Amino acid sequence: MPWTKLQEKARAKYITPKQFMKQYSLSRTQAYKILARPEMEEAKIKTGEKSIRINLDKAFEIMQQIYN
């Protein structure tokens, strides 16, 4: 099957901060400090008045750039 632009664009996986903490084995404070960084703004979306979701792929890329 040929590679197409449609196959290239996968749906972004958004997770809650709680899942983010669990995946990276972070405490709540550590996770929210990381998410509060200006670089992480493009990985976050607001889903309500107070709740946020994190784009897992973008967050991983940004964290690699920060910590490497």
Protein backbone atom coordinates (compact mmCIF):
# COMPACT_ATOMS: atom_id res chain seq x y z
CA MET A 1 0.00 0.00 0.00
CA PRO A 2 1.51 3.37 -0.97
CA TRP A 3 2.38 5.93 1.66
CA THR A 4 -0.08 8.84 1.56
CA LYS A 5 -0.45 12.15 3.38
CA LEU A 6 -3.50 10.73 5.12
CA GLN A 7 -1.47 7.95 6.71
CA GLU A 8 1.15 10.49 7.71
CA LYS A 9 -1.33 12.44 9.84
CA ALA A 10 -2.19 10.33 12.83
CA ARG A 11 -4.67 11.58 15.37
CA ALA A 12 -2.96 13.23 18.33
CA LYS A 13 -3.27 11.38 21.62
CA TYR A 14 -4.23 13.69 24.47
CA ILE A 15 -3.89 12.55 28.07
CA THR A 16 -4.76 14.01 31.47
CA PRO A 17 -2.10 15.39 33.80
CA LYS A 18 -2.69 12.38 36.07
CA GLN A 19 -1.83 9.98 33.23
CA PHE A 20 1.18 12.18 32.37
CA MET A 21 2.43 11.87 35.96
CA LYS A 22 1.96 8.12 35.94
CA GLN A 23 3.68 7.60 32.57
CA TYR A 24 6.81 9.57 33.51
CA SER A 25 6.80 8.57 37.22
CA LEU A 26 6.56 12.15 38.42
CA SER A 27 5.10 13.64 41.56
CA ARG A 28 2.20 16.07 41.14
CA THR A 29 4.47 19.05 41.87
CA GLN A 30 7.13 17.96 39.37
CA ALA A 31 4.54 17.34 36.64
CA TYR A 32 2.85 20.71 37.04
CA LYS A 33 6.22 22.51 37.14
CA ILE A 34 7.13 20.87 33.83
CA LEU A 35 3.72 21.70 32.34
CA ALA A 36 4.00 25.33 33.52
CA ARG A 37 7.14 25.90 31.44
CA PRO A 38 6.63 28.23 28.44
CA GLU A 39 7.94 25.54 26.04
CA MET A 40 5.11 23.20 27.02
CA GLU A 41 2.35 25.61 25.95
CA GLU A 42 2.10 24.06 22.50
CA ALA A 43 1.61 20.59 24.01
CA LYS A 44 -1.35 21.65 26.19
CA ILE A 45 -4.97 22.35 25.35
CA LYS A 46 -7.69 23.58 27.66
CA THR A 47 -10.76 21.36 27.69
CA GLY A 48 -12.82 23.35 30.14
CA GLU A 49 -12.54 26.22 32.52
CA LYS A 50 -9.82 24.55 34.60
CA SER A 51 -8.97 21.22 33.00
CA ILE A 52 -6.17 20.62 30.52
CA ARG A 53 -5.04 17.78 28.26
CA ILE A 54 -1.53 17.11 27.07
CA ASN A 55 -0.52 16.04 23.57
CA LEU A 56 1.68 13.09 24.43
CA ASP A 57 3.82 13.21 21.28
CA LYS A 58 4.50 16.96 21.48
CA ALA A 59 5.25 16.78 25.20
CA PHE A 60 7.73 13.96 24.64
CA GLU A 61 9.52 15.90 21.88
CA ILE A 62 9.72 19.05 24.00
CA MET A 63 10.96 17.16 27.04
CA GLN A 64 13.69 15.54 24.94
CA GLN A 65 14.87 18.96 23.82
CA ILE A 66 14.79 20.34 27.36
CA TYR A 67 16.54 17.48 29.12
CA ASN A 68 19.11 16.49 26.48
